[in-house]
């Protein structure tokens, strides 16, 4: 939950943190995949706030993918380039 709290502080939209938690958005992976329609459903009515959250969620997705790639790269055997 601390990670989520930090994310909301970074977005400077902490007023929505409790709303997200009450609606089951309590994990950064879930928030990374949130849509505009879902934001409307949970009560984020201001278009500018939805846009900001969606941009931050997009950045979060990219960061998570980069982290995943980094982990996968560590597991690739060093001899896979032989014969190229």
PDB file of N, CA and C in Angstrom:
ATOM      1  N   UNK A   1       0.818  -1.203   0.000  1.00  0.00           N
ATOM      2  CA  UNK A   1       0.000   0.000   0.000  1.00  0.00           C
ATOM      3  C   UNK A   1       0.866   1.273   0.000  1.00  0.00           C
ATOM      4  N   UNK A   2       2.056   1.146   0.578  1.00  0.00           N
ATOM      5  CA  UNK A   2       2.949   2.304   0.620  1.00  0.00           C
ATOM      6  C   UNK A   2       3.352   2.730  -0.788  1.00  0.00           C
ATOM      7  N   UNK A   3       3.580   1.732  -1.671  1.00  0.00           N
ATOM      8  CA  UNK A   3       3.918   2.012  -3.062  1.00  0.00           C
ATOM      9  C   UNK A   3       2.802   2.813  -3.737  1.00  0.00           C
ATOM     10  N   UNK A   4       1.581   2.409  -3.462  1.00  0.00           N
ATOM     11  CA  UNK A   4       0.414   3.088  -4.033  1.00  0.00           C
ATOM     12  C   UNK A   4       0.321   4.522  -3.513  1.00  0.00           C
ATOM     13  N   UNK A   5       0.528   4.694  -2.232  1.00  0.00           N
ATOM     14  CA  UNK A   5       0.477   6.028  -1.625  1.00  0.00           C
ATOM     15  C   UNK A   5       1.527   6.941  -2.268  1.00  0.00           C
ATOM     16  N   UNK A   6       2.725   6.398  -2.448  1.00  0.00           N
ATOM     17  CA  UNK A   6       3.800   7.166  -3.083  1.00  0.00           C
ATOM     18  C   UNK A   6       3.424   7.551  -4.504  1.00  0.00           C
ATOM     19  N   UNK A   7       2.812   6.615  -5.245  1.00  0.00           N
ATOM     20  CA  UNK A   7       2.404   6.885  -6.629  1.00  0.00           C
ATOM     21  C   UNK A   7       1.402   8.043  -6.669  1.00  0.00           C
ATOM     22  N   UNK A   8       0.443   8.030  -5.766  1.00  0.00           N
ATOM     23  CA  UNK A   8      -0.537   9.126  -5.729  1.00  0.00           C
ATOM     24  C   UNK A   8       0.110  10.454  -5.353  1.00  0.00           C
ATOM     25  N   UNK A   9       1.073  10.417  -4.476  1.00  0.00           N
ATOM     26  CA  UNK A   9       1.787  11.648  -4.132  1.00  0.00           C
ATOM     27  C   UNK A   9       2.535  12.186  -5.349  1.00  0.00           C
ATOM     28  N   UNK A  10       3.134  11.295  -6.119  1.00  0.00           N
ATOM     29  CA  UNK A  10       3.861  11.714  -7.323  1.00  0.00           C
ATOM     30  C   UNK A  10       2.924  12.307  -8.374  1.00  0.00           C
ATOM     31  N   UNK A  11       1.698  11.789  -8.453  1.00  0.00           N
ATOM     32  CA  UNK A  11       0.744  12.332  -9.428  1.00  0.00           C
ATOM     33  C   UNK A  11       0.160  13.656  -8.954  1.00  0.00           C
ATOM     34  N   UNK A  12       0.329  13.948  -7.670  1.00  0.00           N
ATOM     35  CA  UNK A  12      -0.248  15.145  -7.039  1.00  0.00           C
ATOM     36  C   UNK A  12      -1.780  15.138  -7.106  1.00  0.00           C
ATOM     37  N   UNK A  13      -2.333  13.919  -7.083  1.00  0.00           N
ATOM     38  CA  UNK A  13      -3.795  13.754  -7.070  1.00  0.00           C
ATOM     39  C   UNK A  13      -4.187  12.824  -5.921  1.00  0.00           C
ATOM     40  N   UNK A  14      -3.659  13.117  -4.746  1.00  0.00           N
ATOM     41  CA  UNK A  14      -3.894  12.262  -3.580  1.00  0.00           C
ATOM     42  C   UNK A  14      -5.362  12.215  -3.160  1.00  0.00           C
ATOM     43  N   UNK A  15      -6.149  13.173  -3.623  1.00  0.00           N
ATOM     44  CA  UNK A  15      -7.568  13.181  -3.260  1.00  0.00           C
ATOM     45  C   UNK A  15      -8.304  11.955  -3.791  1.00  0.00           C
ATOM     46  N   UNK A  16      -7.708  11.250  -4.767  1.00  0.00           N
ATOM     47  CA  UNK A  16      -8.355  10.073  -5.340  1.00  0.00           C
ATOM     48  C   UNK A  16      -7.885   8.763  -4.726  1.00  0.00           C
ATOM     49  N   UNK A  17      -6.880   8.805  -3.885  1.00  0.00           N
ATOM     50  CA  UNK A  17      -6.312   7.577  -3.336  1.00  0.00           C
ATOM     51  C   UNK A  17      -7.353   6.720  -2.630  1.00  0.00           C
ATOM     52  N   UNK A  18      -8.114   7.309  -1.741  1.00  0.00           N
ATOM     53  CA  UNK A  18      -9.126   6.548  -0.997  1.00  0.00           C
ATOM     54  C   UNK A  18     -10.198   5.993  -1.937  1.00  0.00           C
ATOM     55  N   UNK A  19     -10.577   6.776  -2.928  1.00  0.00           N
ATOM     56  CA  UNK A  19     -11.574   6.346  -3.908  1.00  0.00           C
ATOM     57  C   UNK A  19     -11.093   5.108  -4.668  1.00  0.00           C
ATOM     58  N   UNK A  20      -9.826   5.120  -5.054  1.00  0.00           N
ATOM     59  CA  UNK A  20      -9.251   3.971  -5.753  1.00  0.00           C
ATOM     60  C   UNK A  20      -9.287   2.741  -4.850  1.00  0.00           C
ATOM     61  N   UNK A  21      -8.851   2.901  -3.603  1.00  0.00           N
ATOM     62  CA  UNK A  21      -8.822   1.783  -2.669  1.00  0.00           C
ATOM     63  C   UNK A  21     -10.217   1.217  -2.421  1.00  0.00           C
ATOM     64  N   UNK A  22     -11.190   2.084  -2.262  1.00  0.00           N
ATOM     65  CA  UNK A  22     -12.567   1.643  -2.017  1.00  0.00           C
ATOM     66  C   UNK A  22     -13.140   0.854  -3.196  1.00  0.00           C
ATOM     67  N   UNK A  23     -12.605   1.099  -4.387  1.00  0.00           N
ATOM     68  CA  UNK A  23     -13.095   0.422  -5.584  1.00  0.00           C
ATOM     69  C   UNK A  23     -12.188  -0.725  -6.025  1.00  0.00           C
ATOM     70  N   UNK A  24     -11.286  -1.142  -5.151  1.00  0.00           N
ATOM     71  CA  UNK A  24     -10.458  -2.307  -5.414  1.00  0.00           C
ATOM     72  C   UNK A  24      -9.190  -2.052  -6.209  1.00  0.00           C
ATOM     73  N   UNK A  25      -8.886  -0.807  -6.484  1.00  0.00           N
ATOM     74  CA  UNK A  25      -7.653  -0.469  -7.201  1.00  0.00           C
ATOM     75  C   UNK A  25      -6.547  -0.254  -6.170  1.00  0.00           C
ATOM     76  N   UNK A  26      -6.034  -1.368  -5.658  1.00  0.00           N
ATOM     77  CA  UNK A  26      -5.081  -1.298  -4.553  1.00  0.00           C
ATOM     78  C   UNK A  26      -3.705  -1.846  -4.916  1.00  0.00           C
ATOM     79  N   UNK A  27      -3.463  -1.976  -6.213  1.00  0.00           N
ATOM     80  CA  UNK A  27      -2.207  -2.540  -6.687  1.00  0.00           C
ATOM     81  C   UNK A  27      -1.739  -1.748  -7.905  1.00  0.00           C
ATOM     82  N   UNK A  28      -0.453  -1.461  -7.977  1.00  0.00           N
ATOM     83  CA  UNK A  28       0.064  -0.660  -9.089  1.00  0.00           C
ATOM     84  C   UNK A  28      -0.109  -1.355 -10.437  1.00  0.00           C
ATOM     85  N   UNK A  29      -0.057  -2.684 -10.471  1.00  0.00           N
ATOM     86  CA  UNK A  29      -0.273  -3.399 -11.729  1.00  0.00           C
ATOM     87  C   UNK A  29      -1.691  -3.183 -12.239  1.00  0.00           C
ATOM     88  N   UNK A  30      -2.640  -3.141 -11.345  1.00  0.00           N
ATOM     89  CA  UNK A  30      -4.041  -2.907 -11.716  1.00  0.00           C
ATOM     90  C   UNK A  30      -4.200  -1.461 -12.189  1.00  0.00           C
ATOM     91  N   UNK A  31      -3.612  -0.538 -11.473  1.00  0.00           N
ATOM     92  CA  UNK A  31      -3.701   0.876 -11.845  1.00  0.00           C
ATOM     93  C   UNK A  31      -3.012   1.122 -13.183  1.00  0.00           C
ATOM     94  N   UNK A  32      -1.937   0.413 -13.452  1.00  0.00           N
ATOM     95  CA  UNK A  32      -1.218   0.587 -14.721  1.00  0.00           C
ATOM     96  C   UNK A  32      -2.114   0.262 -15.917  1.00  0.00           C
ATOM     97  N   UNK A  33      -3.122  -0.572 -15.712  1.00  0.00           N
ATOM     98  CA  UNK A  33      -4.000  -0.987 -16.805  1.00  0.00           C
ATOM     99  C   UNK A  33      -5.356  -0.271 -16.796  1.00  0.00           C
ATOM    100  N   UNK A  34      -5.519   0.730 -15.947  1.00  0.00           N
ATOM    101  CA  UNK A  34      -6.808   1.406 -15.811  1.00  0.00           C
ATOM    102  C   UNK A  34      -7.173   2.151 -17.101  1.00  0.00           C
ATOM    103  N   UNK A  35      -8.471   2.226 -17.371  1.00  0.00           N
ATOM    104  CA  UNK A  35      -8.956   2.909 -18.578  1.00  0.00           C
ATOM    105  C   UNK A  35      -9.719   4.173 -18.204  1.00  0.00           C
ATOM    106  N   UNK A  36      -9.970   4.999 -19.213  1.00  0.00           N
ATOM    107  CA  UNK A  36     -10.743   6.226 -19.003  1.00  0.00           C
ATOM    108  C   UNK A  36     -12.143   5.895 -18.486  1.00  0.00           C
ATOM    109  N   UNK A  37     -12.766   4.871 -19.051  1.00  0.00           N
ATOM    110  CA  UNK A  37     -14.106   4.478 -18.592  1.00  0.00           C
ATOM    111  C   UNK A  37     -14.101   4.056 -17.133  1.00  0.00           C
ATOM    112  N   UNK A  38     -13.073   3.311 -16.729  1.00  0.00           N
ATOM    113  CA  UNK A  38     -12.982   2.890 -15.330  1.00  0.00           C
ATOM    114  C   UNK A  38     -12.803   4.094 -14.411  1.00  0.00           C
ATOM    115  N   UNK A  39     -12.012   5.054 -14.846  1.00  0.00           N
ATOM    116  CA  UNK A  39     -11.833   6.257 -14.031  1.00  0.00           C
ATOM    117  C   UNK A  39     -13.156   6.985 -13.843  1.00  0.00           C
ATOM    118  N   UNK A  40     -13.937   7.079 -14.897  1.00  0.00           N
ATOM    119  CA  UNK A  40     -15.261   7.711 -14.790  1.00  0.00           C
ATOM    120  C   UNK A  40     -16.163   6.935 -13.838  1.00  0.00           C
ATOM    121  N   UNK A  41     -16.131   5.611 -13.952  1.00  0.00           N
ATOM    122  CA  UNK A  41     -16.981   4.760 -13.103  1.00  0.00           C
ATOM    123  C   UNK A  41     -16.680   4.932 -11.622  1.00  0.00           C
ATOM    124  N   UNK A  42     -15.409   5.131 -11.278  1.00  0.00           N
ATOM    125  CA  UNK A  42     -15.084   5.265  -9.859  1.00  0.00           C
ATOM    126  C   UNK A  42     -15.186   6.705  -9.366  1.00  0.00           C
ATOM    127  N   UNK A  43     -15.480   7.637 -10.284  1.00  0.00           N
ATOM    128  CA  UNK A  43     -15.764   8.999  -9.860  1.00  0.00           C
ATOM    129  C   UNK A  43     -14.717  10.052 -10.156  1.00  0.00           C
ATOM    130  N   UNK A  44     -13.758   9.744 -11.023  1.00  0.00           N
ATOM    131  CA  UNK A  44     -12.794  10.772 -11.427  1.00  0.00           C
ATOM    132  C   UNK A  44     -13.450  11.517 -12.591  1.00  0.00           C
ATOM    133  N   UNK A  45     -14.123  12.598 -12.255  1.00  0.00           N
ATOM    134  CA  UNK A  45     -14.969  13.291 -13.228  1.00  0.00           C
ATOM    135  C   UNK A  45     -14.265  14.374 -14.037  1.00  0.00           C
ATOM    136  N   UNK A  46     -13.204  14.936 -13.507  1.00  0.00           N
ATOM    137  CA  UNK A  46     -12.514  16.011 -14.215  1.00  0.00           C
ATOM    138  C   UNK A  46     -11.625  15.440 -15.322  1.00  0.00           C
ATOM    139  N   UNK A  47     -11.862  15.849 -16.573  1.00  0.00           N
ATOM    140  CA  UNK A  47     -11.091  15.313 -17.701  1.00  0.00           C
ATOM    141  C   UNK A  47      -9.576  15.487 -17.539  1.00  0.00           C
ATOM    142  N   UNK A  48      -9.144  16.612 -17.022  1.00  0.00           N
ATOM    143  CA  UNK A  48      -7.717  16.848 -16.829  1.00  0.00           C
ATOM    144  C   UNK A  48      -7.100  15.885 -15.829  1.00  0.00           C
ATOM    145  N   UNK A  49      -7.853  15.538 -14.790  1.00  0.00           N
ATOM    146  CA  UNK A  49      -7.361  14.595 -13.792  1.00  0.00           C
ATOM    147  C   UNK A  49      -7.300  13.188 -14.379  1.00  0.00           C
ATOM    148  N   UNK A  50      -8.323  12.827 -15.167  1.00  0.00           N
ATOM    149  CA  UNK A  50      -8.305  11.510 -15.819  1.00  0.00           C
ATOM    150  C   UNK A  50      -7.106  11.411 -16.757  1.00  0.00           C
ATOM    151  N   UNK A  51      -6.874  12.473 -17.525  1.00  0.00           N
ATOM    152  CA  UNK A  51      -5.760  12.472 -18.465  1.00  0.00           C
ATOM    153  C   UNK A  51      -4.427  12.313 -17.726  1.00  0.00           C
ATOM    154  N   UNK A  52      -4.272  13.029 -16.635  1.00  0.00           N
ATOM    155  CA  UNK A  52      -3.031  12.949 -15.864  1.00  0.00           C
ATOM    156  C   UNK A  52      -2.829  11.539 -15.301  1.00  0.00           C
ATOM    157  N   UNK A  53      -3.893  10.957 -14.765  1.00  0.00           N
ATOM    158  CA  UNK A  53      -3.799   9.605 -14.215  1.00  0.00           C
ATOM    159  C   UNK A  53      -3.468   8.610 -15.328  1.00  0.00           C
ATOM    160  N   UNK A  54      -4.110   8.762 -16.491  1.00  0.00           N
ATOM    161  CA  UNK A  54      -3.845   7.850 -17.608  1.00  0.00           C
ATOM    162  C   UNK A  54      -2.403   7.982 -18.105  1.00  0.00           C
ATOM    163  N   UNK A  55      -1.878   9.194 -18.140  1.00  0.00           N
ATOM    164  CA  UNK A  55      -0.482   9.385 -18.547  1.00  0.00           C
ATOM    165  C   UNK A  55       0.471   8.741 -17.544  1.00  0.00           C
ATOM    166  N   UNK A  56       0.187   8.925 -16.263  1.00  0.00           N
ATOM    167  CA  UNK A  56       1.024   8.319 -15.226  1.00  0.00           C
ATOM    168  C   UNK A  56       0.905   6.791 -15.258  1.00  0.00           C
ATOM    169  N   UNK A  57      -0.288   6.281 -15.548  1.00  0.00           N
ATOM    170  CA  UNK A  57      -0.483   4.835 -15.657  1.00  0.00           C
ATOM    171  C   UNK A  57       0.304   4.289 -16.842  1.00  0.00           C
ATOM    172  N   UNK A  58       0.327   5.032 -17.939  1.00  0.00           N
ATOM    173  CA  UNK A  58       1.102   4.627 -19.111  1.00  0.00           C
ATOM    174  C   UNK A  58       2.594   4.562 -18.778  1.00  0.00           C
ATOM    175  N   UNK A  59       3.080   5.558 -18.077  1.00  0.00           N
ATOM    176  CA  UNK A  59       4.481   5.559 -17.649  1.00  0.00           C
ATOM    177  C   UNK A  59       4.773   4.375 -16.742  1.00  0.00           C
ATOM    178  N   UNK A  60       3.821   4.068 -15.888  1.00  0.00           N
ATOM    179  CA  UNK A  60       3.965   2.937 -14.976  1.00  0.00           C
ATOM    180  C   UNK A  60       4.055   1.621 -15.757  1.00  0.00           C
ATOM    181  N   UNK A  61       3.205   1.474 -16.783  1.00  0.00           N
ATOM    182  CA  UNK A  61       3.248   0.270 -17.635  1.00  0.00           C
ATOM    183  C   UNK A  61       4.615   0.130 -18.295  1.00  0.00           C
ATOM    184  N   UNK A  62       5.114   1.223 -18.839  1.00  0.00           N
ATOM    185  CA  UNK A  62       6.419   1.195 -19.506  1.00  0.00           C
ATOM    186  C   UNK A  62       7.514   0.818 -18.525  1.00  0.00           C
ATOM    187  N   UNK A  63       7.466   1.380 -17.336  1.00  0.00           N
ATOM    188  CA  UNK A  63       8.471   1.074 -16.321  1.00  0.00           C
ATOM    189  C   UNK A  63       8.407  -0.396 -15.934  1.00  0.00           C
ATOM    190  N   UNK A  64       7.200  -0.922 -15.775  1.00  0.00           N
ATOM    191  CA  UNK A  64       7.043  -2.327 -15.402  1.00  0.00           C
ATOM    192  C   UNK A  64       7.573  -3.240 -16.506  1.00  0.00           C
ATOM    193  N   UNK A  65       7.312  -2.893 -17.764  1.00  0.00           N
ATOM    194  CA  UNK A  65       7.813  -3.702 -18.880  1.00  0.00           C
ATOM    195  C   UNK A  65       9.327  -3.666 -18.922  1.00  0.00           C
ATOM    196  N   UNK A  66       9.913  -2.486 -18.708  1.00  0.00           N
ATOM    197  CA  UNK A  66      11.366  -2.384 -18.708  1.00  0.00           C
ATOM    198  C   UNK A  66      11.952  -3.226 -17.590  1.00  0.00           C
ATOM    199  N   UNK A  67      11.335  -3.216 -16.434  1.00  0.00           N
ATOM    200  CA  UNK A  67      11.808  -4.027 -15.322  1.00  0.00           C
ATOM    201  C   UNK A  67      11.720  -5.502 -15.671  1.00  0.00           C
ATOM    202  N   UNK A  68      10.625  -5.909 -16.330  1.00  0.00           N
ATOM    203  CA  UNK A  68      10.460  -7.307 -16.731  1.00  0.00           C
ATOM    204  C   UNK A  68      11.537  -7.711 -17.722  1.00  0.00           C
ATOM    205  N   UNK A  69      11.818  -6.854 -18.694  1.00  0.00           N
ATOM    206  CA  UNK A  69      12.841  -7.143 -19.688  1.00  0.00           C
ATOM    207  C   UNK A  69      14.192  -7.269 -19.008  1.00  0.00           C
ATOM    208  N   UNK A  70      14.462  -6.403 -18.067  1.00  0.00           N
ATOM    209  CA  UNK A  70      15.718  -6.469 -17.333  1.00  0.00           C
ATOM    210  C   UNK A  70      15.887  -7.789 -16.616  1.00  0.00           C
ATOM    211  N   UNK A  71      14.833  -8.286 -16.008  1.00  0.00           N
ATOM    212  CA  UNK A  71      14.890  -9.565 -15.317  1.00  0.00           C
ATOM    213  C   UNK A  71      15.102 -10.701 -16.306  1.00  0.00           C
ATOM    214  N   UNK A  72      14.411 -10.678 -17.442  1.00  0.00           N
ATOM    215  CA  UNK A  72      14.558 -11.723 -18.450  1.00  0.00           C
ATOM    216  C   UNK A  72      15.974 -11.730 -19.012  1.00  0.00           C
ATOM    217  N   UNK A  73      16.521 -10.556 -19.229  1.00  0.00           N
ATOM    218  CA  UNK A  73      17.859 -10.450 -19.805  1.00  0.00           C
ATOM    219  C   UNK A  73      18.898 -11.089 -18.888  1.00  0.00           C
ATOM    220  N   UNK A  74      18.667 -11.020 -17.605  1.00  0.00           N
ATOM    221  CA  UNK A  74      19.609 -11.612 -16.660  1.00  0.00           C
ATOM    222  C   UNK A  74      19.610 -13.132 -16.756  1.00  0.00           C
ATOM    223  N   UNK A  75      18.518 -13.709 -17.252  1.00  0.00           N
ATOM    224  CA  UNK A  75      18.381 -15.155 -17.286  1.00  0.00           C
ATOM    225  C   UNK A  75      18.845 -15.768 -18.606  1.00  0.00           C
ATOM    226  N   UNK A  76      19.193 -14.962 -19.593  1.00  0.00           N
ATOM    227  CA  UNK A  76      19.643 -15.480 -20.877  1.00  0.00           C
ATOM    228  C   UNK A  76      21.071 -15.969 -20.745  1.00  0.00           C
ATOM    229  N   UNK A  77      21.348 -17.234 -21.122  1.00  0.00           N
ATOM    230  CA  UNK A  77      22.709 -17.749 -21.022  1.00  0.00           C
ATOM    231  C   UNK A  77      23.665 -16.955 -21.892  1.00  0.00           C
ATOM    232  N   UNK A  78      24.876 -16.801 -21.454  1.00  0.00           N
ATOM    233  CA  UNK A  78      25.858 -15.993 -22.176  1.00  0.00           C
ATOM    234  C   UNK A  78      26.287 -16.617 -23.492  1.00  0.00           C
ATOM    235  N   UNK A  79      26.064 -17.924 -23.705  1.00  0.00           N
ATOM    236  CA  UNK A  79      26.506 -18.571 -24.921  1.00  0.00           C
ATOM    237  C   UNK A  79      25.467 -18.536 -26.040  1.00  0.00           C
ATOM    238  N   UNK A  80      24.391 -17.779 -25.900  1.00  0.00           N
ATOM    239  CA  UNK A  80      23.349 -17.746 -26.922  1.00  0.00           C
ATOM    240  C   UNK A  80      23.776 -17.010 -28.181  1.00  0.00           C
ATOM    241  N   UNK A  81      24.840 -16.215 -28.122  1.00  0.00           N
ATOM    242  CA  UNK A  81      25.296 -15.475 -29.295  1.00  0.00           C
ATOM    243  C   UNK A  81      26.274 -16.283 -30.149  1.00  0.00           C
ATOM    244  N   UNK A  82      26.650 -17.469 -29.732  1.00  0.00           N
ATOM    245  CA  UNK A  82      27.598 -18.277 -30.498  1.00  0.00           C
ATOM    246  C   UNK A  82      26.981 -18.671 -31.826  1.00  0.00           C
ATOM    247  N   UNK A  83      27.755 -18.600 -32.844  1.00  0.00           N
ATOM    248  CA  UNK A  83      27.298 -19.005 -34.166  1.00  0.00           C
ATOM    249  C   UNK A  83      26.646 -17.894 -34.942  1.00  0.00           C
ATOM    250  N   UNK A  84      26.615 -16.690 -34.395  1.00  0.00           N
ATOM    251  CA  UNK A  84      26.006 -15.563 -35.125  1.00  0.00           C
ATOM    252  C   UNK A  84      27.038 -14.820 -35.928  1.00  0.00           C
TER     253      UNK A  84
END
